[in-house]
Amino acid sequence: MDLQTIKDRIAVVQSKRDYLLSLLEQPNLGTLRIDVNQALEELDDLIDEYRRTIPQTGNN
């Protein structure tokens, strides 16, 4: 897998974060709130690891 493909896939994953945040605003989420919080934590960890591993340039 080339670097541009990885960057493109990470961009897609990052775009899903906003959706997870919107789920947390749902009052009827119940116990799924725990899973959504866990997904957000893991997503943030993945993005952080990506940023540490792949040097970021101005053109992404």
N, C-alpha and C. Protein backbone atom coordinates (compact mmCIF):
# COMPACT_ATOMS: atom_id res chain seq x y z
N MET A 1 0.86 -1.16 0.00
CA MET A 1 0.00 0.00 0.00
C MET A 1 0.91 1.24 0.00
N ASP A 2 0.63 2.16 -0.90
CA ASP A 2 1.47 3.35 -0.96
C ASP A 2 1.01 4.41 0.04
N LEU A 3 1.87 5.40 0.23
CA LEU A 3 1.63 6.43 1.25
C LEU A 3 0.36 7.23 0.98
N GLN A 4 0.09 7.54 -0.29
CA GLN A 4 -1.11 8.32 -0.60
C GLN A 4 -2.38 7.55 -0.27
N THR A 5 -2.38 6.25 -0.51
CA THR A 5 -3.54 5.42 -0.17
C THR A 5 -3.78 5.43 1.33
N ILE A 6 -2.71 5.32 2.10
CA ILE A 6 -2.83 5.36 3.57
C ILE A 6 -3.40 6.71 4.01
N LYS A 7 -2.87 7.79 3.45
CA LYS A 7 -3.36 9.12 3.80
C LYS A 7 -4.84 9.27 3.46
N ASP A 8 -5.24 8.76 2.31
CA ASP A 8 -6.64 8.84 1.90
C ASP A 8 -7.54 8.06 2.85
N ARG A 9 -7.09 6.90 3.24
CA ARG A 9 -7.90 6.08 4.16
C ARG A 9 -8.00 6.70 5.55
N ILE A 10 -6.91 7.30 6.01
CA ILE A 10 -6.94 7.98 7.31
C ILE A 10 -7.89 9.16 7.25
N ALA A 11 -7.92 9.87 6.13
CA ALA A 11 -8.84 11.01 5.98
C ALA A 11 -10.29 10.54 6.08
N VAL A 12 -10.59 9.38 5.52
CA VAL A 12 -11.94 8.83 5.61
C VAL A 12 -12.26 8.49 7.07
N VAL A 13 -11.32 7.88 7.75
CA VAL A 13 -11.51 7.52 9.16
C VAL A 13 -11.72 8.77 10.00
N GLN A 14 -10.92 9.80 9.74
CA GLN A 14 -11.06 11.04 10.50
C GLN A 14 -12.44 11.67 10.29
N SER A 15 -12.98 11.53 9.10
CA SER A 15 -14.30 12.11 8.82
C SER A 15 -15.40 11.39 9.61
N LYS A 16 -15.18 10.16 9.99
CA LYS A 16 -16.18 9.40 10.76
C LYS A 16 -16.24 9.86 12.22
N ARG A 17 -15.21 10.54 12.69
CA ARG A 17 -15.17 10.99 14.08
C ARG A 17 -16.33 11.92 14.40
N ASP A 18 -16.63 12.83 13.49
CA ASP A 18 -17.74 13.75 13.71
C ASP A 18 -19.07 13.01 13.86
N TYR A 19 -19.23 11.94 13.10
CA TYR A 19 -20.45 11.14 13.21
C TYR A 19 -20.56 10.51 14.60
N LEU A 20 -19.45 9.99 15.10
CA LEU A 20 -19.46 9.39 16.43
C LEU A 20 -19.79 10.44 17.49
N LEU A 21 -19.25 11.64 17.33
CA LEU A 21 -19.57 12.70 18.27
C LEU A 21 -21.06 13.04 18.23
N SER A 22 -21.64 13.04 17.05
CA SER A 22 -23.07 13.34 16.95
C SER A 22 -23.91 12.25 17.60
N LEU A 23 -23.42 11.03 17.58
CA LEU A 23 -24.14 9.94 18.25
C LEU A 23 -24.22 10.17 19.75
N LEU A 24 -23.16 10.71 20.31
CA LEU A 24 -23.15 10.96 21.75
C LEU A 24 -24.22 11.96 22.17
N GLU A 25 -24.68 12.78 21.25
CA GLU A 25 -25.71 13.77 21.56
C GLU A 25 -27.11 13.17 21.58
N GLN A 26 -27.23 11.93 21.15
CA GLN A 26 -28.54 11.28 21.12
C GLN A 26 -28.96 10.89 22.53
N PRO A 27 -30.14 11.34 22.96
CA PRO A 27 -30.57 11.05 24.33
C PRO A 27 -30.95 9.58 24.56
N ASN A 28 -31.28 8.86 23.50
CA ASN A 28 -31.73 7.48 23.65
C ASN A 28 -30.65 6.45 23.35
N LEU A 29 -29.41 6.83 23.50
CA LEU A 29 -28.30 5.94 23.16
C LEU A 29 -28.14 4.79 24.16
N GLY A 30 -28.50 5.04 25.39
CA GLY A 30 -28.44 3.99 26.41
C GLY A 30 -27.03 3.47 26.62
N THR A 31 -26.92 2.14 26.75
CA THR A 31 -25.62 1.54 27.03
C THR A 31 -24.68 1.57 25.83
N LEU A 32 -25.20 1.89 24.64
CA LEU A 32 -24.32 2.02 23.47
C LEU A 32 -23.37 3.20 23.61
N ARG A 33 -23.69 4.11 24.52
CA ARG A 33 -22.82 5.26 24.77
C ARG A 33 -21.41 4.79 25.14
N ILE A 34 -21.32 3.70 25.89
CA ILE A 34 -20.02 3.15 26.29
C ILE A 34 -19.23 2.73 25.05
N ASP A 35 -19.91 2.06 24.11
CA ASP A 35 -19.24 1.61 22.88
C ASP A 35 -18.82 2.78 22.01
N VAL A 36 -19.66 3.80 21.93
CA VAL A 36 -19.33 4.98 21.13
C VAL A 36 -18.12 5.69 21.74
N ASN A 37 -18.11 5.83 23.06
CA ASN A 37 -16.95 6.44 23.73
C ASN A 37 -15.68 5.64 23.46
N GLN A 38 -15.78 4.33 23.53
CA GLN A 38 -14.62 3.46 23.27
C GLN A 38 -14.15 3.63 21.83
N ALA A 39 -15.08 3.68 20.89
CA ALA A 39 -14.72 3.87 19.48
C ALA A 39 -14.00 5.20 19.28
N LEU A 40 -14.48 6.24 19.93
CA LEU A 40 -13.83 7.55 19.83
C LEU A 40 -12.41 7.51 20.39
N GLU A 41 -12.24 6.87 21.52
CA GLU A 41 -10.91 6.76 22.12
C GLU A 41 -9.96 6.01 21.19
N GLU A 42 -10.42 4.90 20.63
CA GLU A 42 -9.57 4.11 19.74
C GLU A 42 -9.28 4.86 18.45
N LEU A 43 -10.26 5.57 17.95
CA LEU A 43 -10.06 6.37 16.74
C LEU A 43 -9.03 7.47 16.98
N ASP A 44 -9.14 8.14 18.12
CA ASP A 44 -8.17 9.17 18.47
C ASP A 44 -6.77 8.60 18.62
N ASP A 45 -6.67 7.42 19.23
CA ASP A 45 -5.37 6.75 19.36
C ASP A 45 -4.79 6.42 17.99
N LEU A 46 -5.62 5.92 17.11
CA LEU A 46 -5.18 5.57 15.76
C LEU A 46 -4.67 6.80 15.02
N ILE A 47 -5.41 7.89 15.11
CA ILE A 47 -5.01 9.12 14.43
C ILE A 47 -3.71 9.67 15.02
N ASP A 48 -3.59 9.62 16.34
CA ASP A 48 -2.35 10.07 16.99
C ASP A 48 -1.16 9.23 16.54
N GLU A 49 -1.34 7.92 16.49
CA GLU A 49 -0.26 7.04 16.08
C GLU A 49 0.11 7.30 14.62
N TYR A 50 -0.88 7.52 13.78
CA TYR A 50 -0.62 7.85 12.38
C TYR A 50 0.22 9.12 12.28
N ARG A 51 -0.15 10.15 13.04
CA ARG A 51 0.57 11.42 12.99
C ARG A 51 2.00 11.29 13.50
N ARG A 52 2.22 10.40 14.47
CA ARG A 52 3.58 10.17 14.97
C ARG A 52 4.41 9.38 13.96
N THR A 53 3.76 8.48 13.23
CA THR A 53 4.47 7.57 12.33
C THR A 53 4.73 8.19 10.96
N ILE A 54 3.75 8.87 10.42
CA ILE A 54 3.85 9.45 9.09
C ILE A 54 4.08 10.95 9.23
N PRO A 55 5.22 11.44 8.81
CA PRO A 55 5.46 12.89 8.91
C PRO A 55 4.42 13.68 8.12
N GLN A 56 3.89 14.70 8.75
CA GLN A 56 2.87 15.53 8.10
C GLN A 56 3.56 16.66 7.36
N THR A 57 3.09 16.88 6.14
CA THR A 57 3.60 17.99 5.35
C THR A 57 2.45 18.96 5.09
N GLY A 58 2.75 20.11 4.59
CA GLY A 58 1.74 21.12 4.32
C GLY A 58 0.69 20.67 3.33
N ASN A 59 1.02 19.76 2.42
CA ASN A 59 0.05 19.30 1.42
C ASN A 59 -0.62 18.00 1.82
N ASN A 60 -0.44 17.62 3.09
CA ASN A 60 -1.07 16.41 3.66
C ASN A 60 -0.54 15.20 3.00
